[in-house]
Amino acid sequence: MHLALINIAKAKYPMDDPRMSGFVNNLDAVNKAADRSSGFVWRLMGNVTSSATSIVAFDDPAIIINMAVWESMEALENYTYRTIHKRVFAGRNDWFERLDGPHMALWWIKEGEKPTIVEGKRRLQMIADNGSSPEAFTFGAPFSALGRPQASD
């Protein structure tokens, strides 16, 4: 089993606004860090760039989407908290608004599968409706591939 991820964020400004430069200027480095990370499998990319920021997946075009697949929770956590991603993520409040609902969902998929945007949005809604479960969970309330609750760090 592999771990699928969707996360979304609502930009405070258009991507070409200078106030977004701290985020936009680091996107390539963050994505390259993911691509090179142990346990990385796949990530959603737009047709024009190697990031997914050009994909409009919601009625609000200010909401950007990221989706990825990892071999394990440990691999995703290592990338998230031990690479350039951690530094860039720390600046998120400068570039993104707080969302009313969940901004991230994780779920297990069969090796070789790639999640769709529709599926990712459904998993976000599952967390909004029911909280973490084996079908859709968060870093704070994770589940194993066998559906068992796991201790969060």
C-alpha atoms as a PDB file:
ATOM      1  CA  MET A   1       0.000   0.000   0.000  1.00  0.00           C
ATOM      2  CA  HIS A   2       1.060   3.575  -0.656  1.00  0.00           C
ATOM      3  CA  LEU A   3      -0.006   6.788   1.026  1.00  0.00           C
ATOM      4  CA  ALA A   4      -1.989   9.348  -0.981  1.00  0.00           C
ATOM      5  CA  LEU A   5      -2.064  13.009   0.007  1.00  0.00           C
ATOM      6  CA  ILE A   6      -4.124  16.018  -0.932  1.00  0.00           C
ATOM      7  CA  ASN A   7      -3.549  19.421   0.531  1.00  0.00           C
ATOM      8  CA  ILE A   8      -5.098  22.708  -0.419  1.00  0.00           C
ATOM      9  CA  ALA A   9      -4.463  26.323   0.442  1.00  0.00           C
ATOM     10  CA  LYS A  10      -6.219  29.587  -0.346  1.00  0.00           C
ATOM     11  CA  ALA A  11      -3.765  32.171  -1.623  1.00  0.00           C
ATOM     12  CA  LYS A  12      -4.078  35.663  -0.171  1.00  0.00           C
ATOM     13  CA  TYR A  13      -2.933  37.164  -3.474  1.00  0.00           C
ATOM     14  CA  PRO A  14      -2.598  36.070  -7.115  1.00  0.00           C
ATOM     15  CA  MET A  15       0.450  33.876  -7.773  1.00  0.00           C
ATOM     16  CA  ASP A  16       2.090  36.640  -9.821  1.00  0.00           C
ATOM     17  CA  ASP A  17       1.704  39.198  -7.015  1.00  0.00           C
ATOM     18  CA  PRO A  18       5.084  40.156  -5.489  1.00  0.00           C
ATOM     19  CA  ARG A  19       3.681  39.349  -2.028  1.00  0.00           C
ATOM     20  CA  MET A  20       3.560  35.678  -3.085  1.00  0.00           C
ATOM     21  CA  SER A  21       7.200  35.627  -4.224  1.00  0.00           C
ATOM     22  CA  GLY A  22       8.461  33.917  -1.068  1.00  0.00           C
ATOM     23  CA  PHE A  23       6.208  30.994  -1.893  1.00  0.00           C
ATOM     24  CA  VAL A  24       6.435  31.024  -5.689  1.00  0.00           C
ATOM     25  CA  ASN A  25      10.234  31.437  -5.754  1.00  0.00           C
ATOM     26  CA  ASN A  26      10.651  28.345  -3.573  1.00  0.00           C
ATOM     27  CA  LEU A  27       8.200  26.050  -5.392  1.00  0.00           C
ATOM     28  CA  ASP A  28      10.786  24.475  -7.693  1.00  0.00           C
ATOM     29  CA  ALA A  29      13.151  23.751  -4.806  1.00  0.00           C
ATOM     30  CA  VAL A  30      10.345  22.278  -2.690  1.00  0.00           C
ATOM     31  CA  ASN A  31       9.165  20.092  -5.563  1.00  0.00           C
ATOM     32  CA  LYS A  32      12.714  18.965  -6.394  1.00  0.00           C
ATOM     33  CA  ALA A  33      13.206  18.042  -2.741  1.00  0.00           C
ATOM     34  CA  ALA A  34      10.076  15.883  -2.941  1.00  0.00           C
ATOM     35  CA  ASP A  35      11.163  14.297  -6.214  1.00  0.00           C
ATOM     36  CA  ARG A  36      14.528  13.339  -4.686  1.00  0.00           C
ATOM     37  CA  SER A  37      13.166  12.202  -1.332  1.00  0.00           C
ATOM     38  CA  SER A  38      13.345   8.579  -0.327  1.00  0.00           C
ATOM     39  CA  GLY A  39       9.873   7.063  -0.552  1.00  0.00           C
ATOM     40  CA  PHE A  40       8.487   9.607  -3.036  1.00  0.00           C
ATOM     41  CA  VAL A  41       6.314   8.013  -5.741  1.00  0.00           C
ATOM     42  CA  TRP A  42       4.299  10.651  -7.637  1.00  0.00           C
ATOM     43  CA  ARG A  43       2.937  14.206  -7.500  1.00  0.00           C
ATOM     44  CA  LEU A  44       0.303  16.129  -9.398  1.00  0.00           C
ATOM     45  CA  MET A  45       1.713  18.534 -11.979  1.00  0.00           C
ATOM     46  CA  GLY A  46       0.112  21.113 -14.228  1.00  0.00           C
ATOM     47  CA  ASN A  47       0.431  21.159 -17.986  1.00  0.00           C
ATOM     48  CA  VAL A  48       2.497  24.356 -17.986  1.00  0.00           C
ATOM     49  CA  THR A  49       4.703  24.009 -14.905  1.00  0.00           C
ATOM     50  CA  SER A  50       6.109  21.264 -12.735  1.00  0.00           C
ATOM     51  CA  SER A  51       3.856  22.399  -9.870  1.00  0.00           C
ATOM     52  CA  ALA A  52       0.100  22.043  -9.583  1.00  0.00           C
ATOM     53  CA  THR A  53      -0.569  25.723  -8.836  1.00  0.00           C
ATOM     54  CA  SER A  54      -2.020  26.284 -12.313  1.00  0.00           C
ATOM     55  CA  ILE A  55      -4.709  23.619 -11.829  1.00  0.00           C
ATOM     56  CA  VAL A  56      -8.109  25.066 -10.951  1.00  0.00           C
ATOM     57  CA  ALA A  57      -9.842  22.346  -8.931  1.00  0.00           C
ATOM     58  CA  PHE A  58     -12.303  24.445  -6.935  1.00  0.00           C
ATOM     59  CA  ASP A  59     -14.884  27.125  -7.685  1.00  0.00           C
ATOM     60  CA  ASP A  60     -12.569  29.604  -5.968  1.00  0.00           C
ATOM     61  CA  PRO A  61      -9.491  29.974  -8.217  1.00  0.00           C
ATOM     62  CA  ALA A  62      -7.476  31.224  -5.230  1.00  0.00           C
ATOM     63  CA  ILE A  63      -7.499  27.683  -3.808  1.00  0.00           C
ATOM     64  CA  ILE A  64      -4.441  25.780  -4.962  1.00  0.00           C
ATOM     65  CA  ILE A  65      -4.057  22.037  -4.790  1.00  0.00           C
ATOM     66  CA  ASN A  66      -1.226  19.619  -4.204  1.00  0.00           C
ATOM     67  CA  MET A  67      -1.482  15.858  -4.455  1.00  0.00           C
ATOM     68  CA  ALA A  68       1.209  13.232  -4.023  1.00  0.00           C
ATOM     69  CA  VAL A  69       1.834   9.571  -3.338  1.00  0.00           C
ATOM     70  CA  TRP A  70       4.434   8.293  -0.891  1.00  0.00           C
ATOM     71  CA  GLU A  71       5.610   4.808   0.021  1.00  0.00           C
ATOM     72  CA  SER A  72       4.942   5.372   3.719  1.00  0.00           C
ATOM     73  CA  MET A  73       3.921   7.841   6.391  1.00  0.00           C
ATOM     74  CA  GLU A  74       7.549   7.932   7.543  1.00  0.00           C
ATOM     75  CA  ALA A  75       8.747   8.951   4.061  1.00  0.00           C
ATOM     76  CA  LEU A  76       6.157  11.744   3.885  1.00  0.00           C
ATOM     77  CA  GLU A  77       6.996  12.969   7.385  1.00  0.00           C
ATOM     78  CA  ASN A  78      10.727  13.006   6.584  1.00  0.00           C
ATOM     79  CA  TYR A  79      10.106  15.152   3.510  1.00  0.00           C
ATOM     80  CA  THR A  80       7.600  17.419   5.266  1.00  0.00           C
ATOM     81  CA  TYR A  81       9.642  18.118   8.392  1.00  0.00           C
ATOM     82  CA  ARG A  82      13.288  17.523   7.383  1.00  0.00           C
ATOM     83  CA  THR A  83      13.728  19.301   4.040  1.00  0.00           C
ATOM     84  CA  ILE A  84      13.322  22.800   2.602  1.00  0.00           C
ATOM     85  CA  HIS A  85       9.588  22.117   2.790  1.00  0.00           C
ATOM     86  CA  LYS A  86       9.676  22.763   6.542  1.00  0.00           C
ATOM     87  CA  ARG A  87      11.181  26.253   6.102  1.00  0.00           C
ATOM     88  CA  VAL A  88       8.789  27.239   3.335  1.00  0.00           C
ATOM     89  CA  PHE A  89       5.808  25.764   5.211  1.00  0.00           C
ATOM     90  CA  ALA A  90       6.722  27.942   8.196  1.00  0.00           C
ATOM     91  CA  GLY A  91       5.910  31.031   6.075  1.00  0.00           C
ATOM     92  CA  ARG A  92       2.457  29.815   5.049  1.00  0.00           C
ATOM     93  CA  ASN A  93       0.603  32.505   7.031  1.00  0.00           C
ATOM     94  CA  ASP A  94       2.262  35.190   4.886  1.00  0.00           C
ATOM     95  CA  TRP A  95       0.765  33.733   1.695  1.00  0.00           C
ATOM     96  CA  PHE A  96      -2.331  31.727   2.589  1.00  0.00           C
ATOM     97  CA  GLU A  97      -5.605  32.328   4.367  1.00  0.00           C
ATOM     98  CA  ARG A  98      -6.922  30.037   7.058  1.00  0.00           C
ATOM     99  CA  LEU A  99      -9.528  27.649   5.649  1.00  0.00           C
ATOM    100  CA  ASP A 100     -12.778  26.858   7.426  1.00  0.00           C
ATOM    101  CA  GLY A 101     -12.573  23.144   6.651  1.00  0.00           C
ATOM    102  CA  PRO A 102      -9.785  20.598   6.390  1.00  0.00           C
ATOM    103  CA  HIS A 103      -6.811  21.505   4.234  1.00  0.00           C
ATOM    104  CA  MET A 104      -5.237  18.055   4.084  1.00  0.00           C
ATOM    105  CA  ALA A 105      -6.264  14.440   3.822  1.00  0.00           C
ATOM    106  CA  LEU A 106      -4.246  11.234   3.704  1.00  0.00           C
ATOM    107  CA  TRP A 107      -5.451   7.780   2.688  1.00  0.00           C
ATOM    108  CA  TRP A 108      -4.006   4.447   1.644  1.00  0.00           C
ATOM    109  CA  ILE A 109      -4.113   3.303  -1.981  1.00  0.00           C
ATOM    110  CA  LYS A 110      -2.887   0.218  -3.764  1.00  0.00           C
ATOM    111  CA  GLU A 111       0.658   0.405  -5.035  1.00  0.00           C
ATOM    112  CA  GLY A 112       0.628   1.693  -8.619  1.00  0.00           C
ATOM    113  CA  GLU A 113      -2.597   3.702  -8.255  1.00  0.00           C
ATOM    114  CA  LYS A 114      -2.680   7.488  -8.662  1.00  0.00           C
ATOM    115  CA  PRO A 115      -5.338   9.475  -6.838  1.00  0.00           C
ATOM    116  CA  THR A 116      -7.630  11.807  -8.747  1.00  0.00           C
ATOM    117  CA  ILE A 117      -8.594  15.335  -7.821  1.00  0.00           C
ATOM    118  CA  VAL A 118     -12.207  14.215  -7.434  1.00  0.00           C
ATOM    119  CA  GLU A 119     -11.084  11.483  -5.022  1.00  0.00           C
ATOM    120  CA  GLY A 120      -8.934  13.924  -3.065  1.00  0.00           C
ATOM    121  CA  LYS A 121     -11.795  16.374  -2.700  1.00  0.00           C
ATOM    122  CA  ARG A 122     -14.010  13.510  -1.511  1.00  0.00           C
ATOM    123  CA  ARG A 123     -11.433  12.599   1.151  1.00  0.00           C
ATOM    124  CA  LEU A 124     -11.292  16.201   2.373  1.00  0.00           C
ATOM    125  CA  GLN A 125     -15.090  16.128   2.675  1.00  0.00           C
ATOM    126  CA  MET A 126     -14.926  12.863   4.626  1.00  0.00           C
ATOM    127  CA  ILE A 127     -12.674  14.528   7.201  1.00  0.00           C
ATOM    128  CA  ALA A 128     -14.965  17.581   7.314  1.00  0.00           C
ATOM    129  CA  ASP A 129     -17.987  15.335   7.899  1.00  0.00           C
ATOM    130  CA  ASN A 130     -16.545  12.661  10.213  1.00  0.00           C
ATOM    131  CA  GLY A 131     -13.019  13.567  11.323  1.00  0.00           C
ATOM    132  CA  SER A 132     -10.124  11.174  10.832  1.00  0.00           C
ATOM    133  CA  SER A 133     -10.956   7.601   9.886  1.00  0.00           C
ATOM    134  CA  PRO A 134      -9.186   4.777   8.062  1.00  0.00           C
ATOM    135  CA  GLU A 135     -10.650   6.181   4.805  1.00  0.00           C
ATOM    136  CA  ALA A 136      -9.324   9.746   5.283  1.00  0.00           C
ATOM    137  CA  PHE A 137      -7.034  10.955   8.024  1.00  0.00           C
ATOM    138  CA  THR A 138      -4.523  13.616   9.056  1.00  0.00           C
ATOM    139  CA  PHE A 139      -0.997  13.716  10.429  1.00  0.00           C
ATOM    140  CA  GLY A 140      -2.531  14.384  13.841  1.00  0.00           C
ATOM    141  CA  ALA A 141      -4.807  11.329  13.776  1.00  0.00           C
ATOM    142  CA  PRO A 142      -3.216   8.795  11.392  1.00  0.00           C
ATOM    143  CA  PHE A 143      -4.269   5.258  10.541  1.00  0.00           C
ATOM    144  CA  SER A 144      -2.159   2.355   9.352  1.00  0.00           C
ATOM    145  CA  ALA A 145      -2.711   0.701   5.986  1.00  0.00           C
ATOM    146  CA  LEU A 146      -4.567  -1.990   7.959  1.00  0.00           C
ATOM    147  CA  GLY A 147      -7.029   0.620   9.271  1.00  0.00           C
ATOM    148  CA  ARG A 148      -5.641   0.756  12.782  1.00  0.00           C
ATOM    149  CA  PRO A 149      -5.193   4.091  14.595  1.00  0.00           C
ATOM    150  CA  GLN A 150      -1.530   5.042  14.906  1.00  0.00           C
ATOM    151  CA  ALA A 151       0.182   7.196  17.508  1.00  0.00           C
ATOM    152  CA  SER A 152       0.909  10.681  16.160  1.00  0.00           C
ATOM    153  CA  ASP A 153       4.194  12.405  16.935  1.00  0.00           C
END
